[in-house]
PDB file of N, CA and C in Angstrom:
ATOM      1  N   MET A   1     -34.516   1.459 -24.867  1.00  0.00           N
ATOM      2  CA  MET A   1     -35.654   1.571 -23.978  1.00  0.00           C
ATOM      3  C   MET A   1     -35.218   1.813 -22.575  1.00  0.00           C
ATOM      4  N   ALA A   2     -34.783   0.856 -22.286  1.00  0.00           N
ATOM      5  CA  ALA A   2     -34.122   0.394 -21.208  1.00  0.00           C
ATOM      6  C   ALA A   2     -33.248   1.230 -20.615  1.00  0.00           C
ATOM      7  N   THR A   3     -32.359   1.889 -21.453  1.00  0.00           N
ATOM      8  CA  THR A   3     -31.208   2.868 -21.243  1.00  0.00           C
ATOM      9  C   THR A   3     -31.908   3.887 -21.149  1.00  0.00           C
ATOM     10  N   LYS A   4     -32.648   4.624 -21.804  1.00  0.00           N
ATOM     11  CA  LYS A   4     -33.046   6.022 -21.742  1.00  0.00           C
ATOM     12  C   LYS A   4     -34.436   6.356 -20.010  1.00  0.00           C
ATOM     13  N   SER A   5     -34.697   5.277 -19.343  1.00  0.00           N
ATOM     14  CA  SER A   5     -35.468   5.025 -18.078  1.00  0.00           C
ATOM     15  C   SER A   5     -33.713   5.331 -17.240  1.00  0.00           C
ATOM     16  N   ARG A   6     -32.991   4.624 -17.282  1.00  0.00           N
ATOM     17  CA  ARG A   6     -31.816   4.865 -16.213  1.00  0.00           C
ATOM     18  C   ARG A   6     -31.210   5.883 -16.542  1.00  0.00           C
ATOM     19  N   SER A   7     -30.778   6.357 -17.276  1.00  0.00           N
ATOM     20  CA  SER A   7     -30.255   8.171 -17.637  1.00  0.00           C
ATOM     21  C   SER A   7     -31.096   8.839 -16.526  1.00  0.00           C
ATOM     22  N   ARG A   8     -32.173   8.928 -16.995  1.00  0.00           N
ATOM     23  CA  ARG A   8     -33.588  10.194 -16.225  1.00  0.00           C
ATOM     24  C   ARG A   8     -33.298   9.445 -14.143  1.00  0.00           C
ATOM     25  N   SER A   9     -33.512   8.431 -14.081  1.00  0.00           N
ATOM     26  CA  SER A   9     -33.374   8.156 -12.791  1.00  0.00           C
ATOM     27  C   SER A   9     -32.009   8.689 -12.009  1.00  0.00           C
ATOM     28  N   SER A  10     -30.643   8.423 -13.031  1.00  0.00           N
ATOM     29  CA  SER A  10     -29.515   9.026 -12.280  1.00  0.00           C
ATOM     30  C   SER A  10     -29.547  10.698 -12.082  1.00  0.00           C
ATOM     31  N   SER A  11     -30.162  11.314 -13.411  1.00  0.00           N
ATOM     32  CA  SER A  11     -30.545  12.819 -13.370  1.00  0.00           C
ATOM     33  C   SER A  11     -31.112  13.529 -12.068  1.00  0.00           C
ATOM     34  N   SER A  12     -32.133  12.541 -11.732  1.00  0.00           N
ATOM     35  CA  SER A  12     -32.701  12.683 -10.904  1.00  0.00           C
ATOM     36  C   SER A  12     -32.012  12.711  -9.334  1.00  0.00           C
ATOM     37  N   ARG A  13     -31.047  11.937  -9.361  1.00  0.00           N
ATOM     38  CA  ARG A  13     -30.728  11.088  -8.199  1.00  0.00           C
ATOM     39  C   ARG A  13     -29.300  12.557  -8.017  1.00  0.00           C
ATOM     40  N   SER A  14     -28.477  12.876  -8.758  1.00  0.00           N
ATOM     41  CA  SER A  14     -27.538  14.291  -9.076  1.00  0.00           C
ATOM     42  C   SER A  14     -28.560  15.184  -8.781  1.00  0.00           C
ATOM     43  N   ARG A  15     -29.713  15.822  -8.994  1.00  0.00           N
ATOM     44  CA  ARG A  15     -30.199  16.527  -8.412  1.00  0.00           C
ATOM     45  C   ARG A  15     -30.974  16.517  -6.801  1.00  0.00           C
ATOM     46  N   SER A  16     -31.241  15.971  -6.151  1.00  0.00           N
ATOM     47  CA  SER A  16     -31.627  15.544  -4.961  1.00  0.00           C
ATOM     48  C   SER A  16     -30.099  15.912  -4.414  1.00  0.00           C
ATOM     49  N   SER A  17     -29.069  15.340  -4.330  1.00  0.00           N
ATOM     50  CA  SER A  17     -27.720  15.195  -4.042  1.00  0.00           C
ATOM     51  C   SER A  17     -26.969  16.810  -3.654  1.00  0.00           C
ATOM     52  N   ARG A  18     -27.633  17.819  -4.647  1.00  0.00           N
ATOM     53  CA  ARG A  18     -27.106  18.911  -4.782  1.00  0.00           C
ATOM     54  C   ARG A  18     -28.184  19.779  -3.465  1.00  0.00           C
ATOM     55  N   SER A  19     -29.360  19.220  -3.662  1.00  0.00           N
ATOM     56  CA  SER A  19     -30.336  20.221  -3.044  1.00  0.00           C
ATOM     57  C   SER A  19     -30.007  20.312  -0.738  1.00  0.00           C
ATOM     58  N   ARG A  20     -29.140  18.578  -0.709  1.00  0.00           N
ATOM     59  CA  ARG A  20     -28.653  18.141   0.351  1.00  0.00           C
ATOM     60  C   ARG A  20     -28.079  19.082   1.382  1.00  0.00           C
ATOM     61  N   GLY A  21     -26.844  19.899   0.134  1.00  0.00           N
ATOM     62  CA  GLY A  21     -26.144  20.394   0.144  1.00  0.00           C
ATOM     63  C   GLY A  21     -26.286  21.545   1.195  1.00  0.00           C
ATOM     64  N   ARG A  22     -27.291  22.170   0.598  1.00  0.00           N
ATOM     65  CA  ARG A  22     -27.698  23.371   1.047  1.00  0.00           C
ATOM     66  C   ARG A  22     -28.266  23.337   3.017  1.00  0.00           C
ATOM     67  N   LYS A  23     -27.735  24.333   3.458  1.00  0.00           N
ATOM     68  CA  LYS A  23     -28.098  24.505   4.679  1.00  0.00           C
ATOM     69  C   LYS A  23     -29.553  25.074   4.916  1.00  0.00           C
ATOM     70  N   SER A  24     -30.231  26.124   4.346  1.00  0.00           N
ATOM     71  CA  SER A  24     -30.932  26.700   4.853  1.00  0.00           C
ATOM     72  C   SER A  24     -31.048  27.996   3.487  1.00  0.00           C
ATOM     73  N   SER A  25     -32.322  28.170   2.939  1.00  0.00           N
ATOM     74  CA  SER A  25     -32.904  29.035   2.119  1.00  0.00           C
ATOM     75  C   SER A  25     -32.689  30.923   2.577  1.00  0.00           C
ATOM     76  N   ARG A  26     -32.886  30.967   3.738  1.00  0.00           N
ATOM     77  CA  ARG A  26     -32.936  32.400   4.323  1.00  0.00           C
ATOM     78  C   ARG A  26     -31.638  32.918   3.854  1.00  0.00           C
ATOM     79  N   ARG A  27     -31.855  34.191   3.738  1.00  0.00           N
ATOM     80  CA  ARG A  27     -30.391  35.566   3.338  1.00  0.00           C
ATOM     81  C   ARG A  27     -29.908  35.089   4.803  1.00  0.00           C
ATOM     82  N   LYS A  28     -28.194  35.532   4.375  1.00  0.00           N
ATOM     83  CA  LYS A  28     -27.417  35.123   5.373  1.00  0.00           C
ATOM     84  C   LYS A  28     -27.304  37.326   5.638  1.00  0.00           C
ATOM     85  N   TYR A  29     -27.511  37.709   4.606  1.00  0.00           N
ATOM     86  CA  TYR A  29     -26.943  39.563   4.479  1.00  0.00           C
ATOM     87  C   TYR A  29     -28.401  40.049   4.010  1.00  0.00           C
ATOM     88  N   SER A  30     -28.392  40.890   5.152  1.00  0.00           N
ATOM     89  CA  SER A  30     -29.707  41.898   4.320  1.00  0.00           C
ATOM     90  C   SER A  30     -29.576  42.635   3.322  1.00  0.00           C
ATOM     91  N   PRO A  31     -30.042  43.061   2.767  1.00  0.00           N
ATOM     92  CA  PRO A  31     -29.849  43.834   1.034  1.00  0.00           C
ATOM     93  C   PRO A  31     -29.548  45.288   1.897  1.00  0.00           C
ATOM     94  N   SER A  32     -29.851  45.485   3.022  1.00  0.00           N
ATOM     95  CA  SER A  32     -29.008  47.306   3.086  1.00  0.00           C
ATOM     96  C   SER A  32     -27.937  47.112   4.004  1.00  0.00           C
ATOM     97  N   ALA A  33     -27.675  45.937   4.327  1.00  0.00           N
ATOM     98  CA  ALA A  33     -26.073  45.638   4.425  1.00  0.00           C
ATOM     99  C   ALA A  33     -25.173  45.289   2.996  1.00  0.00           C
ATOM    100  N   GLY A  34     -26.114  44.956   2.299  1.00  0.00           N
ATOM    101  CA  GLY A  34     -25.013  44.727   0.771  1.00  0.00           C
ATOM    102  C   GLY A  34     -24.536  46.257  -0.141  1.00  0.00           C
ATOM    103  N   SER A  35     -26.306  47.019   0.704  1.00  0.00           N
ATOM    104  CA  SER A  35     -26.190  48.441  -0.001  1.00  0.00           C
ATOM    105  C   SER A  35     -24.755  49.262   0.784  1.00  0.00           C
ATOM    106  N   ASP A  36     -24.620  49.328   1.816  1.00  0.00           N
ATOM    107  CA  ASP A  36     -23.653  49.673   2.727  1.00  0.00           C
ATOM    108  C   ASP A  36     -22.418  49.380   1.904  1.00  0.00           C
ATOM    109  N   VAL A  37     -21.876  48.423   1.341  1.00  0.00           N
ATOM    110  CA  VAL A  37     -20.702  47.339   0.914  1.00  0.00           C
ATOM    111  C   VAL A  37     -20.728  48.243   0.009  1.00  0.00           C
ATOM    112  N   LYS A  38     -21.578  47.714  -0.930  1.00  0.00           N
ATOM    113  CA  LYS A  38     -21.840  48.914  -1.854  1.00  0.00           C
ATOM    114  C   LYS A  38     -20.787  49.968  -1.841  1.00  0.00           C
ATOM    115  N   ARG A  39     -21.436  51.425  -1.346  1.00  0.00           N
ATOM    116  CA  ARG A  39     -21.150  52.411  -1.195  1.00  0.00           C
ATOM    117  C   ARG A  39     -19.490  52.523  -0.541  1.00  0.00           C
ATOM    118  N   GLU A  40     -18.654  51.575   0.510  1.00  0.00           N
ATOM    119  CA  GLU A  40     -17.632  51.360   0.706  1.00  0.00           C
ATOM    120  C   GLU A  40     -16.736  51.017  -0.770  1.00  0.00           C
ATOM    121  N   MET A  41     -17.231  50.406  -1.557  1.00  0.00           N
ATOM    122  CA  MET A  41     -16.391  49.765  -2.477  1.00  0.00           C
ATOM    123  C   MET A  41     -16.830  51.065  -3.509  1.00  0.00           C
ATOM    124  N   HIS A  42     -17.561  51.555  -4.239  1.00  0.00           N
ATOM    125  CA  HIS A  42     -17.610  53.080  -4.431  1.00  0.00           C
ATOM    126  C   HIS A  42     -16.178  53.999  -3.931  1.00  0.00           C
ATOM    127  N   GLU A  43     -16.439  54.338  -2.852  1.00  0.00           N
ATOM    128  CA  GLU A  43     -15.304  55.045  -2.496  1.00  0.00           C
ATOM    129  C   GLU A  43     -13.963  54.655  -2.495  1.00  0.00           C
ATOM    130  N   PHE A  44     -13.897  53.174  -2.487  1.00  0.00           N
ATOM    131  CA  PHE A  44     -12.484  52.686  -2.272  1.00  0.00           C
ATOM    132  C   PHE A  44     -12.296  52.448  -4.119  1.00  0.00           C
ATOM    133  N   LYS A  45     -12.891  52.785  -4.639  1.00  0.00           N
ATOM    134  CA  LYS A  45     -12.695  52.489  -6.534  1.00  0.00           C
ATOM    135  C   LYS A  45     -12.233  54.044  -6.787  1.00  0.00           C
ATOM    136  N   ARG A  46     -12.815  55.061  -5.614  1.00  0.00           N
ATOM    137  CA  ARG A  46     -12.653  55.871  -6.586  1.00  0.00           C
ATOM    138  C   ARG A  46     -11.213  56.613  -5.454  1.00  0.00           C
ATOM    139  N   GLY A  47     -10.853  55.584  -4.493  1.00  0.00           N
ATOM    140  CA  GLY A  47      -9.511  56.058  -4.258  1.00  0.00           C
ATOM    141  C   GLY A  47      -9.341  57.100  -2.850  1.00  0.00           C
ATOM    142  N   LYS A  48     -11.168  56.735  -2.385  1.00  0.00           N
ATOM    143  CA  LYS A  48     -11.248  58.096  -0.848  1.00  0.00           C
ATOM    144  C   LYS A  48     -11.694  56.946  -0.357  1.00  0.00           C
ATOM    145  N   LEU A  49     -11.933  56.262   0.064  1.00  0.00           N
ATOM    146  CA  LEU A  49     -11.770  54.934   1.123  1.00  0.00           C
ATOM    147  C   LEU A  49     -10.849  55.283   1.949  1.00  0.00           C
ATOM    148  N   LYS A  50     -10.618  55.433   3.550  1.00  0.00           N
ATOM    149  CA  LYS A  50      -9.813  55.660   4.549  1.00  0.00           C
ATOM    150  C   LYS A  50     -10.162  54.215   5.178  1.00  0.00           C
ATOM    151  N   SER A  51      -8.808  54.233   6.463  1.00  0.00           N
ATOM    152  CA  SER A  51      -9.067  53.375   7.236  1.00  0.00           C
ATOM    153  C   SER A  51      -8.901  53.401   8.379  1.00  0.00           C
ATOM    154  N   GLY A  52     -10.201  53.417   9.322  1.00  0.00           N
ATOM    155  CA  GLY A  52     -10.018  53.618  10.973  1.00  0.00           C
ATOM    156  C   GLY A  52      -9.284  54.835  11.345  1.00  0.00           C
ATOM    157  N   ARG A  53      -8.378  54.481  12.571  1.00  0.00           N
ATOM    158  CA  ARG A  53      -7.773  55.356  13.466  1.00  0.00           C
ATOM    159  C   ARG A  53      -6.487  56.111  12.535  1.00  0.00           C
ATOM    160  N   SER A  54      -6.261  55.354  11.535  1.00  0.00           N
ATOM    161  CA  SER A  54      -4.775  55.707  11.019  1.00  0.00           C
ATOM    162  C   SER A  54      -4.882  56.614  10.031  1.00  0.00           C
ATOM    163  N   GLY A  55      -6.448  56.050   9.544  1.00  0.00           N
ATOM    164  CA  GLY A  55      -6.495  57.637   8.325  1.00  0.00           C
ATOM    165  C   GLY A  55      -6.142  57.082   6.876  1.00  0.00           C
ATOM    166  N   LYS A  56      -5.191  55.908   7.067  1.00  0.00           N
ATOM    167  CA  LYS A  56      -4.435  55.808   5.495  1.00  0.00           C
ATOM    168  C   LYS A  56      -5.860  54.511   4.564  1.00  0.00           C
ATOM    169  N   THR A  57      -5.441  55.474   3.559  1.00  0.00           N
ATOM    170  CA  THR A  57      -5.916  55.257   2.309  1.00  0.00           C
ATOM    171  C   THR A  57      -5.681  53.368   1.451  1.00  0.00           C
ATOM    172  N   VAL A  58      -7.381  52.671   1.660  1.00  0.00           N
ATOM    173  CA  VAL A  58      -7.496  51.429   1.465  1.00  0.00           C
ATOM    174  C   VAL A  58      -7.172  51.059   0.346  1.00  0.00           C
ATOM    175  N   LYS A  59      -6.333  50.030   0.120  1.00  0.00           N
ATOM    176  CA  LYS A  59      -5.532  49.237  -0.721  1.00  0.00           C
ATOM    177  C   LYS A  59      -5.938  48.106  -1.468  1.00  0.00           C
ATOM    178  N   SER A  60      -6.489  47.340  -0.092  1.00  0.00           N
ATOM    179  CA  SER A  60      -6.993  46.001  -0.642  1.00  0.00           C
ATOM    180  C   SER A  60      -8.811  46.268  -0.592  1.00  0.00           C
ATOM    181  N   ARG A  61      -9.232  45.275  -1.813  1.00  0.00           N
ATOM    182  CA  ARG A  61     -10.467  45.244  -1.972  1.00  0.00           C
ATOM    183  C   ARG A  61     -11.478  44.445  -0.940  1.00  0.00           C
ATOM    184  N   LYS A  62     -10.528  43.859  -0.275  1.00  0.00           N
ATOM    185  CA  LYS A  62     -11.330  42.374   0.589  1.00  0.00           C
ATOM    186  C   LYS A  62     -10.852  43.773   2.146  1.00  0.00           C
ATOM    187  N   GLN A  63     -10.491  44.329   2.199  1.00  0.00           N
ATOM    188  CA  GLN A  63     -10.093  45.186   3.659  1.00  0.00           C
ATOM    189  C   GLN A  63     -11.317  46.469   2.816  1.00  0.00           C
ATOM    190  N   ALA A  64     -12.011  46.635   1.919  1.00  0.00           N
ATOM    191  CA  ALA A  64     -13.127  47.504   1.296  1.00  0.00           C
ATOM    192  C   ALA A  64     -14.049  46.956   2.191  1.00  0.00           C
ATOM    193  N   ILE A  65     -14.641  45.594   1.859  1.00  0.00           N
ATOM    194  CA  ILE A  65     -16.312  45.287   1.731  1.00  0.00           C
ATOM    195  C   ILE A  65     -15.639  44.585   3.412  1.00  0.00           C
ATOM    196  N   ALA A  66     -14.663  44.393   4.103  1.00  0.00           N
ATOM    197  CA  ALA A  66     -14.553  44.020   5.051  1.00  0.00           C
ATOM    198  C   ALA A  66     -15.299  45.400   6.222  1.00  0.00           C
ATOM    199  N   ILE A  67     -14.698  46.158   5.576  1.00  0.00           N
ATOM    200  CA  ILE A  67     -15.228  47.671   6.250  1.00  0.00           C
ATOM    201  C   ILE A  67     -16.656  48.275   5.744  1.00  0.00           C
ATOM    202  N   GLY A  68     -16.899  48.050   4.912  1.00  0.00           N
ATOM    203  CA  GLY A  68     -18.534  47.653   4.520  1.00  0.00           C
ATOM    204  C   GLY A  68     -19.210  46.826   5.622  1.00  0.00           C
ATOM    205  N   LEU A  69     -19.023  45.691   5.627  1.00  0.00           N
ATOM    206  CA  LEU A  69     -19.650  44.617   6.849  1.00  0.00           C
ATOM    207  C   LEU A  69     -19.285  45.306   8.319  1.00  0.00           C
ATOM    208  N   SER A  70     -18.536  45.478   8.644  1.00  0.00           N
ATOM    209  CA  SER A  70     -18.375  45.869  10.118  1.00  0.00           C
ATOM    210  C   SER A  70     -19.174  47.684  10.480  1.00  0.00           C
ATOM    211  N   GLU A  71     -19.189  48.435   9.241  1.00  0.00           N
ATOM    212  CA  GLU A  71     -20.363  49.212   9.082  1.00  0.00           C
ATOM    213  C   GLU A  71     -22.007  49.064   9.452  1.00  0.00           C
ATOM    214  N   ALA A  72     -22.377  47.729   8.712  1.00  0.00           N
ATOM    215  CA  ALA A  72     -23.484  47.684   8.653  1.00  0.00           C
ATOM    216  C   ALA A  72     -23.765  46.478   9.991  1.00  0.00           C
ATOM    217  N   ARG A  73     -22.852  46.010  10.704  1.00  0.00           N
ATOM    218  CA  ARG A  73     -22.795  45.373  11.365  1.00  0.00           C
ATOM    219  C   ARG A  73     -23.193  46.518  12.935  1.00  0.00           C
ATOM    220  N   ARG A  74     -22.744  47.637  13.089  1.00  0.00           N
ATOM    221  CA  ARG A  74     -22.719  48.416  14.006  1.00  0.00           C
ATOM    222  C   ARG A  74     -23.609  49.300  13.811  1.00  0.00           C
ATOM    223  N   LYS A  75     -24.600  48.904  12.450  1.00  0.00           N
ATOM    224  CA  LYS A  75     -25.719  49.633  12.384  1.00  0.00           C
ATOM    225  C   LYS A  75     -26.563  49.038  12.876  1.00  0.00           C
ATOM    226  N   GLY A  76     -26.906  47.358  13.208  1.00  0.00           N
ATOM    227  CA  GLY A  76     -27.956  46.354  13.588  1.00  0.00           C
ATOM    228  C   GLY A  76     -28.007  45.669  12.433  1.00  0.00           C
ATOM    229  N   LYS A  77     -27.803  46.080  10.837  1.00  0.00           N
ATOM    230  CA  LYS A  77     -28.164  45.288   9.952  1.00  0.00           C
ATOM    231  C   LYS A  77     -27.741  43.454  10.409  1.00  0.00           C
ATOM    232  N   LYS A  78     -28.196  42.797   9.423  1.00  0.00           N
ATOM    233  CA  LYS A  78     -28.521  41.446   9.841  1.00  0.00           C
ATOM    234  C   LYS A  78     -27.108  40.886   8.742  1.00  0.00           C
ATOM    235  N   VAL A  79     -26.142  40.572   9.593  1.00  0.00           N
ATOM    236  CA  VAL A  79     -25.221  40.225   8.907  1.00  0.00           C
ATOM    237  C   VAL A  79     -24.450  38.986   9.693  1.00  0.00           C
ATOM    238  N   PRO A  80     -24.195  38.136   9.055  1.00  0.00           N
ATOM    239  CA  PRO A  80     -23.346  36.757  10.171  1.00  0.00           C
ATOM    240  C   PRO A  80     -22.253  37.791  11.136  1.00  0.00           C
ATOM    241  N   ALA A  81     -22.105  37.021  11.940  1.00  0.00           N
ATOM    242  CA  ALA A  81     -20.764  37.076  13.258  1.00  0.00           C
ATOM    243  C   ALA A  81     -19.414  37.071  12.238  1.00  0.00           C
ATOM    244  N   LYS A  82     -18.893  38.069  13.276  1.00  0.00           N
ATOM    245  CA  LYS A  82     -17.216  37.764  12.662  1.00  0.00           C
ATOM    246  C   LYS A  82     -16.471  36.509  12.992  1.00  0.00           C
ATOM    247  N   LYS A  83     -15.333  35.981  11.627  1.00  0.00           N
ATOM    248  CA  LYS A  83     -14.976  35.099  11.996  1.00  0.00           C
ATOM    249  C   LYS A  83     -13.757  35.338  12.655  1.00  0.00           C
ATOM    250  N   SER A  84     -13.462  34.286  13.717  1.00  0.00           N
ATOM    251  CA  SER A  84     -12.445  34.315  14.536  1.00  0.00           C
ATOM    252  C   SER A  84     -10.809  34.449  13.328  1.00  0.00           C
ATOM    253  N   SER A  85     -10.091  34.766  13.985  1.00  0.00           N
ATOM    254  CA  SER A  85      -8.900  34.545  13.148  1.00  0.00           C
ATOM    255  C   SER A  85      -8.411  33.047  12.808  1.00  0.00           C
ATOM    256  N   GLY A  86      -7.557  33.702  12.090  1.00  0.00           N
ATOM    257  CA  GLY A  86      -6.771  31.948  11.793  1.00  0.00           C
ATOM    258  C   GLY A  86      -6.273  31.472  12.444  1.00  0.00           C
ATOM    259  N   ARG A  87      -5.357  32.227  13.393  1.00  0.00           N
ATOM    260  CA  ARG A  87      -4.110  31.766  14.722  1.00  0.00           C
ATOM    261  C   ARG A  87      -4.840  31.267  15.816  1.00  0.00           C
ATOM    262  N   SER A  88      -5.091  30.210  15.751  1.00  0.00           N
ATOM    263  CA  SER A  88      -5.232  30.024  17.435  1.00  0.00           C
ATOM    264  C   SER A  88      -4.479  30.352  18.803  1.00  0.00           C
ATOM    265  N   SER A  89      -5.134  30.149  19.523  1.00  0.00           N
ATOM    266  CA  SER A  89      -3.629  30.538  21.045  1.00  0.00           C
ATOM    267  C   SER A  89      -3.048  29.304  20.977  1.00  0.00           C
ATOM    268  N   SER A  90      -3.320  27.839  20.910  1.00  0.00           N
ATOM    269  CA  SER A  90      -2.521  27.091  21.416  1.00  0.00           C
ATOM    270  C   SER A  90      -1.167  27.496  19.891  1.00  0.00           C
ATOM    271  N   SER A  91      -0.990  27.778  19.043  1.00  0.00           N
ATOM    272  CA  SER A  91      -0.192  27.451  18.201  1.00  0.00           C
ATOM    273  C   SER A  91       0.771  28.781  18.054  1.00  0.00           C
ATOM    274  N   HIS A  92      -0.175  29.745  19.250  1.00  0.00           N
ATOM    275  CA  HIS A  92       0.792  31.093  19.505  1.00  0.00           C
ATOM    276  C   HIS A  92       1.285  30.448  20.339  1.00  0.00           C
ATOM    277  N   ARG A  93       1.686  29.556  21.420  1.00  0.00           N
ATOM    278  CA  ARG A  93       2.041  29.520  22.408  1.00  0.00           C
ATOM    279  C   ARG A  93       3.137  28.077  22.145  1.00  0.00           C
ATOM    280  N   LYS A  94       2.735  27.518  20.873  1.00  0.00           N
ATOM    281  CA  LYS A  94       3.957  26.290  20.729  1.00  0.00           C
ATOM    282  C   LYS A  94       5.041  27.171  19.969  1.00  0.00           C
ATOM    283  N   ALA A  95       4.997  28.285  19.479  1.00  0.00           N
ATOM    284  CA  ALA A  95       5.682  28.873  18.119  1.00  0.00           C
ATOM    285  C   ALA A  95       6.970  29.482  19.327  1.00  0.00           C
ATOM    286  N   ALA A  96       6.143  30.253  20.486  1.00  0.00           N
ATOM    287  CA  ALA A  96       6.642  31.784  21.477  1.00  0.00           C
ATOM    288  C   ALA A  96       7.552  30.327  22.241  1.00  0.00           C
TER     289      ALA A  96
END
């Protein structure tokens, strides 16, 4: 009997540690932003999605998603801000 009560307490402990990891339960992306990305992915899969000024056909899935998100941002939909590039200015100076 004593072993059963110990196993129950450990399972409840693991559940509480998982819930602590979340920041908040609110949506990061609006549903309408998701539909914009969905539309761009549809075009990408058909080979019809073109990128920016150059007008070249998009080959990358990630690029197609980025195009959809940027369009959603332009329309003012709820989308998190763009992350800065991985390369910082200080590391760029060291290389030069």
